[in-house]
């Protein structure tokens, strides 16, 4: 099942833009995020996000949730 994914507009303290899925409780408000698209796997969305942004990484909460499903 594919999910909608978003990247944060702001970088984290470590200089990474976090990638979240639509159901993440840590998902920023709409004005603070960028829609990346619908993907089947977190790895694919992080690769796509790294095309647009220098350093993108998965939200750890989203990653743990993805691995359980």
N, C-alpha and C. Protein backbone atom coordinates (compact mmCIF):
# COMPACT_ATOMS: atom_id res chain seq x y z
N UNK A 1 0.83 -1.17 0.00
CA UNK A 1 0.00 0.00 0.00
C UNK A 1 0.89 1.25 0.00
N UNK A 2 0.65 2.15 -0.91
CA UNK A 2 1.45 3.36 -0.96
C UNK A 2 0.87 4.41 -0.02
N UNK A 3 1.74 5.25 0.50
CA UNK A 3 1.36 6.31 1.42
C UNK A 3 1.82 7.65 0.85
N UNK A 4 1.22 8.73 1.30
CA UNK A 4 1.67 10.07 0.94
C UNK A 4 2.82 10.46 1.87
N UNK A 5 3.85 11.06 1.29
CA UNK A 5 5.02 11.45 2.06
C UNK A 5 5.31 12.93 1.89
N UNK A 6 5.87 13.52 2.94
CA UNK A 6 6.18 14.94 2.98
C UNK A 6 7.58 15.15 3.55
N UNK A 7 8.23 16.22 3.11
CA UNK A 7 9.51 16.62 3.68
C UNK A 7 9.29 17.92 4.45
N UNK A 8 10.02 18.06 5.53
CA UNK A 8 9.96 19.30 6.29
C UNK A 8 10.65 20.40 5.51
N UNK A 9 10.10 21.60 5.54
CA UNK A 9 10.76 22.72 4.87
C UNK A 9 12.01 23.15 5.61
N UNK A 10 12.00 23.02 6.91
CA UNK A 10 13.16 23.42 7.72
C UNK A 10 14.05 22.21 8.00
N UNK A 11 15.33 22.46 8.07
CA UNK A 11 16.27 21.40 8.42
C UNK A 11 16.28 21.19 9.92
N UNK A 12 16.59 19.96 10.32
CA UNK A 12 16.73 19.67 11.74
C UNK A 12 18.08 20.22 12.22
N UNK A 13 18.35 20.08 13.50
CA UNK A 13 19.60 20.55 14.09
C UNK A 13 20.80 19.87 13.43
N UNK A 14 20.64 18.63 13.00
CA UNK A 14 21.73 17.90 12.38
C UNK A 14 21.92 18.24 10.89
N UNK A 15 21.07 19.13 10.35
CA UNK A 15 21.17 19.53 8.96
C UNK A 15 20.44 18.63 8.00
N UNK A 16 19.54 17.81 8.51
CA UNK A 16 18.77 16.87 7.70
C UNK A 16 17.33 17.34 7.59
N UNK A 17 16.73 17.15 6.43
CA UNK A 17 15.29 17.38 6.27
C UNK A 17 14.61 16.04 6.51
N UNK A 18 13.74 15.99 7.48
CA UNK A 18 13.06 14.74 7.80
C UNK A 18 11.89 14.50 6.85
N UNK A 19 11.70 13.24 6.52
CA UNK A 19 10.61 12.79 5.66
C UNK A 19 9.60 12.06 6.53
N UNK A 20 8.32 12.43 6.40
CA UNK A 20 7.24 11.85 7.19
C UNK A 20 6.17 11.29 6.28
N UNK A 21 5.44 10.29 6.77
CA UNK A 21 4.25 9.86 6.02
C UNK A 21 3.04 10.62 6.55
N UNK A 22 1.94 10.54 5.83
CA UNK A 22 0.76 11.36 6.13
C UNK A 22 0.19 11.11 7.53
N UNK A 23 0.37 9.95 8.10
CA UNK A 23 -0.22 9.65 9.40
C UNK A 23 0.69 9.89 10.58
N UNK A 24 1.84 10.48 10.36
CA UNK A 24 2.82 10.66 11.44
C UNK A 24 2.36 11.73 12.42
N UNK A 25 2.44 11.46 13.73
CA UNK A 25 2.07 12.48 14.71
C UNK A 25 3.06 13.65 14.74
N UNK A 26 4.27 13.46 14.19
CA UNK A 26 5.28 14.52 14.14
C UNK A 26 5.25 15.30 12.82
N UNK A 27 4.27 15.02 11.97
CA UNK A 27 4.15 15.71 10.68
C UNK A 27 3.92 17.20 10.91
N UNK A 28 4.77 18.05 10.31
CA UNK A 28 4.58 19.49 10.49
C UNK A 28 3.27 19.98 9.87
N UNK A 29 2.87 21.18 10.25
CA UNK A 29 1.68 21.79 9.67
C UNK A 29 1.87 21.95 8.17
N UNK A 30 0.78 22.10 7.45
CA UNK A 30 0.81 22.15 5.98
C UNK A 30 1.76 23.22 5.45
N UNK A 31 1.83 24.37 6.08
CA UNK A 31 2.70 25.43 5.59
C UNK A 31 4.19 25.16 5.84
N UNK A 32 4.49 24.15 6.66
CA UNK A 32 5.86 23.83 7.03
C UNK A 32 6.38 22.55 6.37
N UNK A 33 5.65 22.05 5.37
CA UNK A 33 6.05 20.80 4.73
C UNK A 33 5.85 20.88 3.22
N UNK A 34 6.51 19.97 2.50
CA UNK A 34 6.43 19.89 1.05
C UNK A 34 6.00 18.48 0.67
N UNK A 35 4.98 18.37 -0.16
CA UNK A 35 4.50 17.06 -0.61
C UNK A 35 5.51 16.46 -1.57
N UNK A 36 5.93 15.22 -1.29
CA UNK A 36 6.89 14.53 -2.15
C UNK A 36 6.24 13.55 -3.10
N UNK A 37 5.10 13.01 -2.71
CA UNK A 37 4.41 12.06 -3.58
C UNK A 37 3.94 10.84 -2.81
N UNK A 38 3.49 9.86 -3.56
CA UNK A 38 3.00 8.60 -3.01
C UNK A 38 4.03 7.52 -3.33
N UNK A 39 4.47 6.80 -2.32
CA UNK A 39 5.51 5.79 -2.48
C UNK A 39 5.13 4.51 -1.76
N UNK A 40 5.69 3.40 -2.21
CA UNK A 40 5.43 2.11 -1.59
C UNK A 40 6.36 1.82 -0.43
N UNK A 41 7.53 2.44 -0.41
CA UNK A 41 8.54 2.10 0.59
C UNK A 41 9.27 3.36 1.04
N UNK A 42 9.58 3.43 2.31
CA UNK A 42 10.28 4.59 2.87
C UNK A 42 11.62 4.82 2.19
N UNK A 43 12.30 3.77 1.81
CA UNK A 43 13.59 3.90 1.13
C UNK A 43 13.48 4.66 -0.18
N UNK A 44 12.40 4.41 -0.91
CA UNK A 44 12.20 5.09 -2.19
C UNK A 44 11.97 6.58 -2.01
N UNK A 45 11.19 6.94 -1.01
CA UNK A 45 10.90 8.36 -0.79
C UNK A 45 12.14 9.10 -0.31
N UNK A 46 12.97 8.47 0.50
CA UNK A 46 14.20 9.13 0.96
C UNK A 46 15.14 9.34 -0.23
N UNK A 47 15.24 8.36 -1.12
CA UNK A 47 16.06 8.54 -2.33
C UNK A 47 15.54 9.71 -3.16
N UNK A 48 14.23 9.78 -3.35
CA UNK A 48 13.64 10.88 -4.12
C UNK A 48 13.89 12.21 -3.43
N UNK A 49 13.74 12.26 -2.13
CA UNK A 49 13.95 13.51 -1.38
C UNK A 49 15.40 13.97 -1.49
N UNK A 50 16.33 13.03 -1.55
CA UNK A 50 17.75 13.39 -1.69
C UNK A 50 18.07 13.96 -3.06
N UNK A 51 17.22 13.76 -4.03
CA UNK A 51 17.41 14.40 -5.34
C UNK A 51 17.15 15.89 -5.21
N UNK A 52 16.11 16.26 -4.44
CA UNK A 52 15.74 17.67 -4.29
C UNK A 52 16.50 18.37 -3.18
N UNK A 53 16.85 17.66 -2.14
CA UNK A 53 17.50 18.26 -0.98
C UNK A 53 18.81 17.56 -0.72
N UNK A 54 19.79 18.31 -0.23
CA UNK A 54 21.12 17.76 -0.01
C UNK A 54 21.12 16.59 0.97
N UNK A 55 20.47 16.75 2.09
CA UNK A 55 20.42 15.69 3.10
C UNK A 55 19.00 15.48 3.55
N UNK A 56 18.43 14.34 3.21
CA UNK A 56 17.09 13.98 3.66
C UNK A 56 17.17 12.63 4.35
N UNK A 57 16.38 12.47 5.37
CA UNK A 57 16.36 11.21 6.10
C UNK A 57 14.97 10.93 6.64
N UNK A 58 14.72 9.67 6.97
CA UNK A 58 13.39 9.32 7.46
C UNK A 58 13.17 9.76 8.90
N UNK A 59 11.95 10.11 9.20
CA UNK A 59 11.53 10.32 10.58
C UNK A 59 11.63 8.95 11.26
N UNK A 60 12.26 8.88 12.40
CA UNK A 60 12.46 7.58 13.05
C UNK A 60 11.14 6.93 13.46
N UNK A 61 10.17 7.74 13.83
CA UNK A 61 8.85 7.21 14.18
C UNK A 61 8.17 6.58 12.95
N UNK A 62 8.25 7.28 11.82
CA UNK A 62 7.68 6.75 10.57
C UNK A 62 8.40 5.48 10.13
N UNK A 63 9.71 5.47 10.28
CA UNK A 63 10.50 4.31 9.89
C UNK A 63 10.14 3.10 10.72
N UNK A 64 10.02 3.28 12.04
CA UNK A 64 9.64 2.16 12.92
C UNK A 64 8.26 1.66 12.59
N UNK A 65 7.34 2.57 12.32
CA UNK A 65 5.97 2.21 11.97
C UNK A 65 5.93 1.45 10.64
N UNK A 66 6.74 1.90 9.68
CA UNK A 66 6.79 1.27 8.37
C UNK A 66 7.31 -0.18 8.48
N UNK A 67 8.29 -0.39 9.34
CA UNK A 67 8.87 -1.73 9.50
C UNK A 67 7.91 -2.70 10.15
N UNK A 68 6.98 -2.19 10.97
CA UNK A 68 5.99 -3.06 11.62
C UNK A 68 4.93 -3.51 10.64
N UNK A 69 4.66 -2.72 9.62
CA UNK A 69 3.56 -3.04 8.68
C UNK A 69 3.98 -3.97 7.61
